N, C-alpha and C. Protein backbone atom coordinates (compact mmCIF):
# COMPACT_ATOMS: atom_id res chain seq x y z
N UNK A 1 0.89 -0.91 0.14
CA UNK A 1 -0.03 0.35 -0.33
C UNK A 1 1.02 1.31 0.10
N UNK A 2 2.20 1.31 0.70
CA UNK A 2 2.86 2.28 0.81
C UNK A 2 3.27 2.51 -0.52
N UNK A 3 3.86 1.68 -1.48
CA UNK A 3 4.61 1.84 -2.01
C UNK A 3 3.19 2.10 -3.60
N UNK A 4 2.44 1.84 -3.22
CA UNK A 4 1.07 2.13 -4.48
C UNK A 4 0.71 3.78 -4.26
N UNK A 5 1.06 4.06 -3.07
CA UNK A 5 0.91 5.78 -2.47
C UNK A 5 1.58 6.35 -2.52
N UNK A 6 2.78 6.15 -2.89
CA UNK A 6 4.33 6.99 -3.32
C UNK A 6 4.22 6.94 -4.47
N UNK A 7 3.89 6.05 -5.58
CA UNK A 7 3.75 5.96 -7.17
C UNK A 7 2.88 6.72 -7.41
N UNK A 8 2.02 6.84 -6.82
CA UNK A 8 0.63 7.15 -7.53
C UNK A 8 0.17 9.07 -6.86
N UNK A 9 0.89 9.15 -5.86
CA UNK A 9 0.68 10.26 -4.96
C UNK A 9 -0.55 10.66 -4.42
N UNK A 10 -1.15 9.08 -4.13
CA UNK A 10 -2.72 9.49 -3.47
C UNK A 10 -2.47 8.59 -2.30
N UNK A 11 -3.93 9.11 -1.50
CA UNK A 11 -3.90 8.33 -0.21
C UNK A 11 -4.56 7.12 -0.56
N UNK A 12 -3.99 6.23 0.41
CA UNK A 12 -4.24 4.63 0.36
C UNK A 12 -4.62 3.95 1.34
N UNK A 13 -5.94 4.05 1.58
CA UNK A 13 -6.57 3.19 2.63
C UNK A 13 -6.62 1.75 2.99
N UNK A 14 -5.79 0.95 3.89
CA UNK A 14 -6.04 -0.10 4.03
C UNK A 14 -7.06 -1.15 4.88
N UNK A 15 -7.89 -1.65 4.72
CA UNK A 15 -9.15 -2.17 5.70
C UNK A 15 -8.34 -3.38 6.27
N UNK A 16 -8.50 -3.16 7.67
CA UNK A 16 -8.03 -4.37 8.48
C UNK A 16 -9.23 -5.37 8.86
N UNK A 17 -9.36 -5.93 7.94
CA UNK A 17 -10.91 -6.58 8.07
C UNK A 17 -10.69 -8.11 8.80
N UNK A 18 -11.86 -8.63 9.39
CA UNK A 18 -11.58 -9.81 10.22
C UNK A 18 -11.78 -10.79 9.45
N UNK A 19 -11.21 -11.87 9.86
CA UNK A 19 -10.33 -12.75 8.29
C UNK A 19 -10.97 -14.27 8.87
N UNK A 20 -11.54 -15.13 8.13
CA UNK A 20 -11.94 -16.28 8.22
C UNK A 20 -10.47 -17.44 8.73
N UNK A 21 -10.83 -18.31 9.43
CA UNK A 21 -12.18 -19.12 9.91
C UNK A 21 -12.95 -18.42 11.08
N UNK A 22 -12.04 -17.76 12.05
CA UNK A 22 -12.62 -17.25 13.05
C UNK A 22 -14.01 -16.36 12.63
N UNK A 23 -13.87 -15.23 11.86
CA UNK A 23 -15.09 -14.52 11.50
C UNK A 23 -15.36 -14.89 9.80
N UNK A 24 -15.85 -16.03 9.65
CA UNK A 24 -16.39 -15.75 8.22
C UNK A 24 -16.86 -15.12 7.53
N UNK A 25 -17.68 -15.00 6.33
CA UNK A 25 -18.28 -14.57 5.88
C UNK A 25 -19.92 -14.33 6.15
N UNK A 26 -20.42 -12.83 6.49
CA UNK A 26 -20.22 -11.61 5.73
C UNK A 26 -19.34 -10.61 6.32
N UNK A 27 -18.69 -11.24 7.35
CA UNK A 27 -17.68 -10.42 8.63
C UNK A 27 -16.94 -9.44 7.50
N UNK A 28 -15.61 -10.13 7.39
CA UNK A 28 -14.74 -9.24 6.73
C UNK A 28 -15.41 -8.43 5.72
N UNK A 29 -16.19 -8.76 4.33
CA UNK A 29 -17.17 -7.66 3.76
C UNK A 29 -17.94 -6.58 4.40
N UNK A 30 -18.47 -7.05 5.11
CA UNK A 30 -19.37 -5.57 6.14
C UNK A 30 -18.26 -5.07 7.08
N UNK A 31 -16.92 -5.68 7.05
CA UNK A 31 -16.17 -4.63 7.67
C UNK A 31 -15.52 -3.56 6.36
N UNK A 32 -15.19 -4.22 5.35
CA UNK A 32 -14.94 -3.26 4.38
C UNK A 32 -15.92 -2.09 4.16
N UNK A 33 -17.57 -3.04 3.81
CA UNK A 33 -18.37 -1.78 3.37
C UNK A 33 -18.29 -0.55 4.33
N UNK A 34 -18.42 -1.29 5.53
CA UNK A 34 -18.25 0.35 6.88
C UNK A 34 -17.21 1.11 6.71
N UNK A 35 -15.94 0.71 6.20
CA UNK A 35 -14.84 1.58 6.09
C UNK A 35 -15.29 2.54 5.09
N UNK A 36 -15.20 1.90 4.12
CA UNK A 36 -15.66 2.61 2.68
C UNK A 36 -16.51 3.52 2.44
N UNK A 37 -17.79 3.15 3.49
CA UNK A 37 -18.91 4.09 3.27
C UNK A 37 -18.97 4.98 4.63
N UNK A 38 -18.10 5.02 5.24
CA UNK A 38 -17.34 6.08 6.24
C UNK A 38 -16.33 7.24 5.31
N UNK A 39 -15.67 6.54 4.61
CA UNK A 39 -14.64 7.38 3.81
C UNK A 39 -15.77 8.39 2.79
N UNK A 40 -16.56 7.61 2.12
CA UNK A 40 -17.21 8.62 1.29
C UNK A 40 -18.33 8.98 1.67
N UNK A 41 -18.43 9.04 2.91
CA UNK A 41 -19.37 9.93 3.84
C UNK A 41 -18.76 11.12 4.41
N UNK A 42 -17.15 10.99 4.86
CA UNK A 42 -16.08 12.19 5.00
C UNK A 42 -15.21 12.23 4.15
N UNK A 43 -15.50 12.55 3.03
CA UNK A 43 -13.89 12.06 2.19
C UNK A 43 -12.87 13.67 2.16
N UNK A 44 -13.22 14.11 2.79
CA UNK A 44 -12.99 16.08 3.62
C UNK A 44 -11.54 15.55 4.47
N UNK A 45 -11.84 14.09 5.04
CA UNK A 45 -10.94 14.07 6.34
C UNK A 45 -9.63 13.44 5.30
N UNK A 46 -9.66 12.63 4.21
CA UNK A 46 -8.47 12.21 3.52
C UNK A 46 -8.54 13.43 2.06
N UNK A 47 -8.83 14.43 2.80
CA UNK A 47 -8.58 15.67 1.51
C UNK A 47 -8.78 15.44 -0.08
N UNK A 48 -10.41 14.57 0.16
CA UNK A 48 -10.15 14.19 -1.35
C UNK A 48 -12.10 14.47 -1.50
N UNK A 49 -12.35 14.06 -2.64
CA UNK A 49 -13.81 14.00 -3.31
C UNK A 49 -14.21 12.94 -3.33
N UNK A 50 -15.65 12.59 -3.28
CA UNK A 50 -16.28 11.15 -3.53
C UNK A 50 -15.88 10.74 -4.90
N UNK A 51 -15.70 11.87 -5.87
CA UNK A 51 -15.07 11.24 -6.78
C UNK A 51 -13.68 10.94 -7.25
N UNK A 52 -13.09 11.20 -6.13
CA UNK A 52 -11.64 11.02 -6.42
C UNK A 52 -11.30 9.09 -5.68
N UNK A 53 -12.49 8.71 -5.04
CA UNK A 53 -12.08 7.20 -4.55
C UNK A 53 -12.22 6.53 -5.68
N UNK A 54 -11.41 5.41 -5.24
CA UNK A 54 -11.13 4.51 -6.64
C UNK A 54 -11.20 3.13 -5.54
N UNK A 55 -12.05 2.31 -5.65
CA UNK A 55 -11.68 0.85 -4.83
C UNK A 55 -10.84 -0.09 -5.13
N UNK A 56 -10.24 -0.86 -4.79
CA UNK A 56 -8.96 -1.89 -5.43
C UNK A 56 -8.93 -2.60 -4.83
N UNK A 57 -8.53 -4.07 -4.97
CA UNK A 57 -8.13 -5.01 -4.37
C UNK A 57 -7.76 -5.94 -5.17
N UNK A 58 -6.77 -6.70 -5.04
CA UNK A 58 -6.36 -8.25 -5.45
C UNK A 58 -6.71 -9.42 -4.77
N UNK A 59 -6.77 -10.41 -5.56
CA UNK A 59 -6.92 -11.56 -4.99
C UNK A 59 -8.33 -11.39 -4.18
N UNK A 60 -8.11 -11.79 -3.16
CA UNK A 60 -9.72 -11.98 -2.10
C UNK A 60 -9.94 -10.50 -1.92
N UNK A 61 -9.01 -9.70 -1.85
CA UNK A 61 -9.44 -7.92 -1.79
C UNK A 61 -10.16 -7.82 -3.12
N UNK A 62 -9.64 -8.27 -4.13
CA UNK A 62 -10.32 -7.85 -5.49
C UNK A 62 -11.96 -8.39 -5.63
N UNK A 63 -12.07 -9.46 -4.65
CA UNK A 63 -13.44 -10.27 -4.39
C UNK A 63 -14.42 -9.16 -3.78
N UNK A 64 -13.55 -8.70 -2.68
CA UNK A 64 -14.15 -7.88 -1.41
C UNK A 64 -14.81 -6.22 -2.35
N UNK A 65 -13.62 -6.08 -2.90
CA UNK A 65 -13.84 -4.79 -3.39
C UNK A 65 -15.52 -4.53 -4.69
N UNK A 66 -15.19 -5.72 -5.22
CA UNK A 66 -16.55 -6.28 -6.38
C UNK A 66 -17.63 -6.15 -5.06
N UNK A 67 -17.49 -7.33 -4.41
CA UNK A 67 -18.85 -7.40 -3.42
C UNK A 67 -19.13 -6.02 -2.55
N UNK A 68 -18.52 -5.34 -2.14
CA UNK A 68 -18.43 -3.80 -1.75
C UNK A 68 -19.20 -3.20 -2.91
N UNK A 69 -18.89 -3.00 -4.31
CA UNK A 69 -19.33 -2.08 -5.26
C UNK A 69 -21.02 -2.83 -5.11
N UNK A 70 -21.18 -4.28 -5.19
CA UNK A 70 -22.36 -4.28 -5.71
C UNK A 70 -23.33 -4.05 -4.42
N UNK A 71 -22.95 -3.94 -2.99
CA UNK A 71 -23.41 -3.90 -2.07
C UNK A 71 -24.12 -2.62 -2.26
N UNK A 72 -23.06 -1.66 -2.20
CA UNK A 72 -23.37 -0.34 -2.24
C UNK A 72 -24.29 -0.05 -3.31
N UNK A 73 -24.25 -0.46 -4.69
CA UNK A 73 -25.40 -0.41 -5.26
C UNK A 73 -27.07 -0.70 -4.67
N UNK A 74 -27.17 -1.90 -3.94
CA UNK A 74 -27.86 -2.49 -3.51
C UNK A 74 -28.74 -1.75 -2.34
N UNK A 75 -27.56 -1.18 -1.34
CA UNK A 75 -28.16 -0.63 -0.18
C UNK A 75 -28.37 1.14 -0.56
N UNK A 76 -27.38 1.46 -1.58
CA UNK A 76 -28.00 2.76 -1.99
C UNK A 76 -27.40 4.02 -1.40
N UNK A 77 -26.37 3.76 -0.46
CA UNK A 77 -26.10 4.26 0.96
C UNK A 77 -24.55 5.29 -0.01
N UNK A 78 -23.63 4.85 -1.07
CA UNK A 78 -22.95 5.75 -1.72
C UNK A 78 -22.58 5.15 -2.72
N UNK A 79 -21.79 5.75 -3.90
CA UNK A 79 -21.80 5.15 -4.99
C UNK A 79 -20.16 5.32 -5.90
N UNK A 80 -19.49 3.94 -5.59
CA UNK A 80 -17.98 4.35 -5.56
C UNK A 80 -18.46 4.33 -7.83
N UNK A 81 -16.92 5.13 -8.23
CA UNK A 81 -17.15 5.20 -9.46
C UNK A 81 -16.16 4.63 -10.49
N UNK A 82 -15.38 4.30 -9.63
CA UNK A 82 -14.37 3.25 -10.33
C UNK A 82 -13.75 2.01 -9.32
N UNK A 83 -13.27 1.17 -10.02
CA UNK A 83 -12.85 -0.05 -9.12
C UNK A 83 -11.90 -0.59 -10.02
N UNK A 84 -10.70 -1.28 -9.54
CA UNK A 84 -9.49 -1.82 -10.08
C UNK A 84 -9.58 -3.21 -9.37
N UNK A 85 -9.80 -4.54 -9.97
CA UNK A 85 -9.37 -6.15 -9.42
C UNK A 85 -8.29 -6.28 -10.01
N UNK A 86 -7.81 -6.61 -9.20
CA UNK A 86 -6.30 -6.93 -9.47
C UNK A 86 -6.24 -8.65 -9.35
N UNK A 87 -6.56 -9.59 -10.23
CA UNK A 87 -6.79 -10.96 -10.31
C UNK A 87 -7.55 -11.16 -9.50
N UNK A 88 -9.09 -10.78 -9.31
CA UNK A 88 -9.79 -11.42 -8.45
C UNK A 88 -10.71 -12.62 -8.65
N UNK A 89 -11.31 -13.08 -7.16
CA UNK A 89 -11.96 -14.05 -7.12
C UNK A 89 -13.27 -13.82 -7.41
N UNK A 90 -13.68 -14.20 -8.35
CA UNK A 90 -15.16 -13.66 -8.27
C UNK A 90 -16.33 -14.90 -8.49
N UNK A 91 -15.90 -16.26 -8.56
CA UNK A 91 -16.59 -17.45 -8.47
C UNK A 91 -16.05 -17.92 -7.23
N UNK A 92 -16.99 -19.20 -6.48
CA UNK A 92 -16.79 -19.90 -5.20
C UNK A 92 -15.87 -21.04 -5.92
N UNK A 93 -16.61 -21.80 -7.13
CA UNK A 93 -16.00 -23.25 -7.33
C UNK A 93 -14.88 -23.41 -8.22
N UNK A 94 -13.63 -23.92 -7.15
CA UNK A 94 -12.60 -24.27 -8.04
C UNK A 94 -11.97 -25.38 -8.03
N UNK A 95 -12.89 -26.51 -8.09
CA UNK A 95 -12.58 -27.65 -7.73
C UNK A 95 -12.35 -28.23 -9.39
N UNK A 96 -12.34 -29.67 -9.58
CA UNK A 96 -12.55 -30.31 -10.74
C UNK A 96 -13.73 -29.67 -11.78
N UNK A 97 -14.73 -29.59 -11.21
CA UNK A 97 -15.92 -29.18 -11.67
C UNK A 97 -16.03 -27.79 -12.19
N UNK A 98 -15.12 -26.75 -12.01
CA UNK A 98 -14.88 -25.73 -12.56
C UNK A 98 -15.04 -25.45 -13.82
N UNK A 99 -15.88 -24.57 -14.53
CA UNK A 99 -15.81 -24.49 -16.04
C UNK A 99 -14.78 -23.40 -16.43
N UNK A 100 -13.69 -22.92 -15.53
CA UNK A 100 -12.92 -21.86 -16.41
C UNK A 100 -11.60 -22.76 -16.44
N UNK A 101 -10.90 -22.65 -17.67
CA UNK A 101 -9.87 -23.53 -18.44
C UNK A 101 -8.75 -23.14 -17.29
N UNK A 102 -8.13 -22.01 -16.96
CA UNK A 102 -7.33 -21.58 -15.73
C UNK A 102 -7.13 -21.98 -14.99
N UNK A 103 -8.34 -22.65 -14.10
CA UNK A 103 -8.20 -23.34 -12.88
C UNK A 103 -8.06 -24.37 -12.72
N UNK A 104 -8.19 -25.31 -14.17
CA UNK A 104 -6.82 -26.45 -14.41
C UNK A 104 -6.12 -26.58 -15.03
N UNK A 105 -5.41 -25.58 -16.38
CA UNK A 105 -4.36 -25.63 -16.46
C UNK A 105 -3.32 -24.88 -15.62
N UNK A 106 -3.53 -24.14 -14.69
CA UNK A 106 -2.56 -23.25 -13.67
C UNK A 106 -3.09 -24.02 -12.10
N UNK A 107 -3.58 -25.22 -11.86
CA UNK A 107 -3.96 -25.61 -10.58
C UNK A 107 -2.74 -26.31 -9.54
N UNK A 108 -1.80 -26.55 -10.33
CA UNK A 108 -0.87 -27.06 -9.42
C UNK A 108 0.75 -26.38 -9.25
N UNK A 109 0.98 -25.97 -10.56
CA UNK A 109 2.89 -25.81 -10.59
C UNK A 109 2.71 -24.37 -10.03
N UNK A 110 1.97 -23.59 -9.54
CA UNK A 110 2.16 -22.34 -9.15
C UNK A 110 1.88 -21.87 -7.84
N UNK A 111 2.48 -20.57 -7.50
CA UNK A 111 2.58 -20.49 -6.28
C UNK A 111 0.71 -20.51 -5.60
N UNK A 112 -0.14 -19.93 -6.03
CA UNK A 112 -1.58 -19.75 -5.75
C UNK A 112 -2.07 -21.24 -6.79
N UNK A 113 -2.28 -22.24 -5.84
CA UNK A 113 -2.99 -23.32 -6.40
C UNK A 113 -4.69 -23.58 -6.38
N UNK A 114 -5.16 -24.15 -7.42
CA UNK A 114 -6.60 -23.99 -7.11
C UNK A 114 -7.14 -24.62 -5.94
N UNK A 115 -6.27 -25.70 -5.44
CA UNK A 115 -6.70 -26.72 -4.16
C UNK A 115 -6.49 -25.51 -3.03
N UNK A 116 -5.69 -24.68 -3.04
CA UNK A 116 -5.52 -23.53 -2.11
C UNK A 116 -6.57 -22.61 -2.14
N UNK A 117 -6.83 -22.15 -3.28
CA UNK A 117 -8.08 -21.29 -3.56
C UNK A 117 -9.72 -21.77 -2.98
N UNK A 118 -9.54 -22.93 -3.24
CA UNK A 118 -10.77 -23.49 -2.71
C UNK A 118 -10.73 -23.62 -1.46
N UNK A 119 -9.66 -24.11 -0.65
CA UNK A 119 -9.39 -24.16 0.81
C UNK A 119 -9.93 -22.89 1.42
N UNK A 120 -9.31 -22.18 1.07
CA UNK A 120 -9.69 -21.03 1.76
C UNK A 120 -11.24 -20.36 1.49
N UNK A 121 -11.64 -20.29 0.22
CA UNK A 121 -13.09 -20.15 0.15
C UNK A 121 -13.80 -20.93 1.33
N UNK A 122 -13.77 -22.19 1.28
CA UNK A 122 -14.28 -23.29 2.26
C UNK A 122 -14.07 -22.42 3.32
N UNK A 123 -13.02 -22.29 4.16
CA UNK A 123 -13.05 -21.53 5.11
C UNK A 123 -13.79 -20.19 5.43
N UNK A 124 -13.69 -19.61 4.44
CA UNK A 124 -14.80 -18.22 4.29
C UNK A 124 -16.02 -18.41 4.62
N UNK A 125 -16.82 -19.41 3.94
CA UNK A 125 -18.16 -19.34 3.54
C UNK A 125 -18.12 -20.92 4.41
N UNK A 126 -19.12 -20.71 5.35
CA UNK A 126 -19.40 -21.89 5.92
C UNK A 126 -21.05 -22.17 5.94
N UNK A 127 -21.82 -21.43 5.49
CA UNK A 127 -23.24 -21.70 5.01
C UNK A 127 -22.99 -22.15 3.47
N UNK A 128 -23.58 -23.61 2.81
CA UNK A 128 -24.00 -24.19 2.14
C UNK A 128 -24.28 -22.85 0.77
N UNK A 129 -25.59 -22.60 1.38
CA UNK A 129 -26.39 -21.49 0.16
C UNK A 129 -25.58 -20.28 0.37
N UNK A 130 -24.64 -19.68 1.06
CA UNK A 130 -24.08 -18.37 0.84
C UNK A 130 -23.15 -18.74 -0.45
N UNK A 131 -22.51 -20.24 -0.81
CA UNK A 131 -21.62 -20.34 -2.18
C UNK A 131 -22.09 -19.49 -2.93
N UNK A 132 -23.40 -19.49 -3.39
CA UNK A 132 -24.18 -18.71 -4.84
C UNK A 132 -24.39 -17.62 -4.66
N UNK A 133 -24.11 -16.59 -3.03
CA UNK A 133 -24.68 -15.53 -3.02
C UNK A 133 -23.89 -14.57 -3.78
N UNK A 134 -24.30 -13.40 -4.17
CA UNK A 134 -23.26 -12.46 -5.08
C UNK A 134 -22.75 -11.63 -4.53
N UNK A 135 -22.47 -11.77 -3.04
CA UNK A 135 -21.54 -10.88 -2.36
C UNK A 135 -20.63 -12.13 -2.04
N UNK A 136 -20.49 -13.30 -2.40
CA UNK A 136 -19.33 -14.28 -2.11
C UNK A 136 -18.49 -14.40 -3.86
N UNK A 137 -19.87 -14.41 -4.57
CA UNK A 137 -19.17 -14.87 -6.15
C UNK A 137 -20.10 -13.76 -6.79
N UNK A 138 -19.42 -12.50 -6.79
CA UNK A 138 -19.98 -11.35 -7.61
C UNK A 138 -20.54 -11.86 -9.09
N UNK A 139 -19.49 -12.88 -9.69
CA UNK A 139 -20.08 -13.06 -11.42
C UNK A 139 -21.14 -13.78 -11.50
N UNK A 140 -21.96 -14.74 -10.28
CA UNK A 140 -22.87 -15.33 -10.00
C UNK A 140 -24.37 -14.47 -10.11
N UNK A 141 -23.87 -12.96 -9.77
CA UNK A 141 -25.32 -12.09 -9.76
C UNK A 141 -26.00 -12.06 -10.73
N UNK A 142 -27.19 -12.00 -10.70
CA UNK A 142 -28.27 -11.59 -11.63
C UNK A 142 -28.46 -10.65 -12.02
N UNK A 143 -27.75 -9.46 -11.49
CA UNK A 143 -28.00 -8.09 -11.80
C UNK A 143 -26.57 -6.88 -11.42
N UNK A 144 -25.81 -7.04 -12.39
CA UNK A 144 -24.68 -6.63 -12.88
C UNK A 144 -24.49 -5.27 -12.93
N UNK A 145 -26.18 -4.36 -13.07
CA UNK A 145 -25.82 -2.98 -13.52
C UNK A 145 -25.58 -1.82 -12.47
N UNK A 146 -25.03 -0.82 -12.77
CA UNK A 146 -24.81 0.08 -12.24
C UNK A 146 -23.77 -0.13 -11.34
N UNK A 147 -22.80 -0.62 -12.09
CA UNK A 147 -21.62 -0.50 -11.07
C UNK A 147 -20.33 0.23 -11.73
N UNK A 148 -19.25 0.43 -10.79
CA UNK A 148 -18.13 1.40 -11.39
C UNK A 148 -17.41 1.01 -12.68
N UNK A 149 -17.22 1.90 -13.14
CA UNK A 149 -15.59 1.91 -14.25
C UNK A 149 -14.89 0.91 -13.56
N UNK A 150 -14.73 0.11 -14.51
CA UNK A 150 -14.06 -1.11 -13.84
C UNK A 150 -12.39 -1.56 -14.53
N UNK A 151 -11.02 -1.45 -14.19
CA UNK A 151 -9.93 -2.46 -14.63
C UNK A 151 -9.84 -3.43 -14.11
N UNK A 152 -9.64 -4.66 -14.74
CA UNK A 152 -9.68 -5.99 -14.36
C UNK A 152 -8.04 -6.06 -15.00
N UNK A 153 -7.13 -6.16 -14.22
CA UNK A 153 -5.86 -7.17 -14.34
C UNK A 153 -5.66 -8.50 -13.98
N UNK A 154 -5.44 -9.59 -14.79
CA UNK A 154 -5.38 -10.76 -14.56
C UNK A 154 -3.67 -11.39 -14.88
N UNK A 155 -3.52 -12.56 -14.43
CA UNK A 155 -2.32 -13.20 -14.65
C UNK A 155 -2.45 -14.28 -15.63
N UNK A 156 -1.69 -14.50 -16.42
CA UNK A 156 -1.54 -15.48 -17.60
C UNK A 156 -1.48 -16.95 -16.87
N UNK A 157 -0.24 -17.04 -15.59
CA UNK A 157 -0.47 -18.31 -15.06
C UNK A 157 -1.23 -18.75 -13.61
N UNK A 158 -2.35 -17.86 -13.43
CA UNK A 158 -3.14 -17.99 -11.92
C UNK A 158 -4.43 -18.33 -12.73
N UNK A 159 -4.82 -19.06 -11.63
CA UNK A 159 -6.38 -19.92 -11.35
C UNK A 159 -7.17 -19.32 -11.95
N UNK A 160 -6.88 -17.76 -11.46
CA UNK A 160 -8.13 -17.07 -11.09
C UNK A 160 -8.28 -16.26 -12.74
N UNK A 161 -7.36 -16.34 -13.41
CA UNK A 161 -7.43 -15.23 -14.52
C UNK A 161 -8.44 -15.98 -15.45
N UNK A 162 -9.35 -17.00 -15.45
CA UNK A 162 -10.85 -16.88 -16.43
C UNK A 162 -11.94 -16.18 -15.89
N UNK A 163 -11.93 -16.61 -14.62
CA UNK A 163 -13.28 -15.98 -14.05
C UNK A 163 -12.92 -14.89 -13.42
N UNK A 164 -11.49 -13.90 -13.70
CA UNK A 164 -11.82 -12.44 -13.23
C UNK A 164 -11.85 -11.86 -14.66
N UNK A 165 -11.29 -12.58 -15.61
CA UNK A 165 -11.64 -11.98 -16.96
C UNK A 165 -13.20 -11.85 -17.55
N UNK A 166 -13.88 -12.97 -17.18
CA UNK A 166 -15.27 -13.60 -17.11
C UNK A 166 -16.16 -12.34 -16.54
N UNK A 167 -15.48 -12.36 -15.24
CA UNK A 167 -16.52 -11.27 -14.54
C UNK A 167 -16.40 -9.92 -15.50
N UNK A 168 -15.33 -9.61 -15.97
CA UNK A 168 -15.46 -8.53 -16.86
C UNK A 168 -16.26 -8.40 -17.98
N UNK A 169 -16.21 -9.40 -18.55
CA UNK A 169 -17.33 -9.70 -19.82
C UNK A 169 -19.01 -9.44 -19.27
N UNK A 170 -19.30 -10.01 -18.03
CA UNK A 170 -20.32 -10.15 -17.66
C UNK A 170 -20.75 -8.44 -17.19
N UNK A 171 -19.82 -7.79 -16.86
CA UNK A 171 -19.99 -6.50 -16.55
C UNK A 171 -20.61 -5.98 -17.54
N UNK A 172 -19.36 -5.81 -18.68
CA UNK A 172 -20.01 -5.51 -20.21
C UNK A 172 -21.54 -6.00 -20.41
N UNK A 173 -21.95 -6.94 -20.23
CA UNK A 173 -23.20 -7.24 -20.87
C UNK A 173 -24.38 -6.54 -20.20
N UNK A 174 -23.42 -6.10 -18.80
CA UNK A 174 -25.02 -4.67 -18.11
C UNK A 174 -24.70 -3.15 -18.33
N UNK A 175 -23.65 -3.15 -19.33
CA UNK A 175 -23.73 -2.08 -20.30
C UNK A 175 -22.61 -1.16 -19.08
N UNK A 176 -21.76 -1.75 -18.67
CA UNK A 176 -20.75 -0.95 -17.37
C UNK A 176 -19.28 -0.77 -18.47
N UNK A 177 -18.74 0.23 -18.18
CA UNK A 177 -17.43 0.04 -18.60
C UNK A 177 -16.28 -0.51 -18.16
N UNK A 178 -15.75 -1.00 -18.79
CA UNK A 178 -14.65 -2.10 -18.03
C UNK A 178 -13.55 -2.45 -19.27
N UNK A 179 -12.28 -2.66 -18.73
CA UNK A 179 -10.94 -2.76 -19.41
C UNK A 179 -10.69 -3.77 -18.71
N UNK A 180 -10.04 -5.01 -19.17
CA UNK A 180 -9.49 -5.85 -18.99
C UNK A 180 -8.23 -6.24 -19.41
N UNK A 181 -7.22 -6.41 -18.92
CA UNK A 181 -5.74 -6.44 -19.11
C UNK A 181 -5.00 -7.98 -18.62
N UNK A 182 -4.62 -8.83 -19.72
CA UNK A 182 -3.89 -9.68 -18.81
C UNK A 182 -2.28 -9.36 -19.12
N UNK A 183 -1.84 -10.05 -18.08
CA UNK A 183 -0.17 -9.78 -17.97
C UNK A 183 0.25 -11.08 -18.14
N UNK A 184 1.40 -11.16 -19.30
CA UNK A 184 1.67 -11.91 -20.05
C UNK A 184 2.76 -12.69 -18.84
N UNK A 185 3.32 -14.09 -18.81
CA UNK A 185 4.27 -14.74 -18.24
C UNK A 185 4.06 -14.16 -16.61
N UNK A 186 2.97 -13.87 -16.26
CA UNK A 186 2.50 -13.46 -14.74
C UNK A 186 1.89 -14.41 -14.09
N UNK A 187 2.28 -14.51 -12.48
CA UNK A 187 1.68 -15.53 -12.00
C UNK A 187 0.77 -14.85 -10.92
N UNK A 188 -0.19 -15.39 -10.45
CA UNK A 188 -0.89 -14.80 -8.74
C UNK A 188 -0.09 -14.12 -8.04
N UNK A 189 -0.36 -13.18 -7.77
CA UNK A 189 0.57 -12.34 -6.68
C UNK A 189 1.45 -11.28 -7.34
N UNK A 190 1.78 -11.54 -8.51
CA UNK A 190 2.58 -10.27 -8.70
C UNK A 190 2.96 -8.92 -8.73
N UNK A 191 1.74 -8.81 -8.32
CA UNK A 191 1.70 -7.01 -8.42
C UNK A 191 2.12 -6.81 -6.84
């Protein structure tokens, strides 16, 4: 975060959200939502305006940023204008039945394996019915309209690559402005 702040000249706020398994879904998401809402209510505390605020997250943080954007639209308390999702987790299934080729192609030989991702998600989500909740798996949302302008960055050798890109295409289907960039020869965590 310090590096991002130094390179961009912008204020960076990192949420110390509660973690699973001690605090499963939706605890961490609610923490992120609450902090984001408070920043939107008082942007002057960070010497900025609402339109200056961009939600950013990588991996599980990309999932949380996407879910906060959906939740913000649904609750109507604030409206993020931009989000940057870096190799985001957008679906729940990283098993052998996953529809995404990258889950299978990049399953074992890299730092972040498909099994590790699935294990993390299983710790995050306790209730079976929550696995289909769009706040857990944003790509499963029936309604992706009115989402922030979105930049999605994926890595070629990442199990999350295809679902991140597919989420971008789903956002486009709902007429959101989206850019998708895949970094060739990159692995999960390169950022």
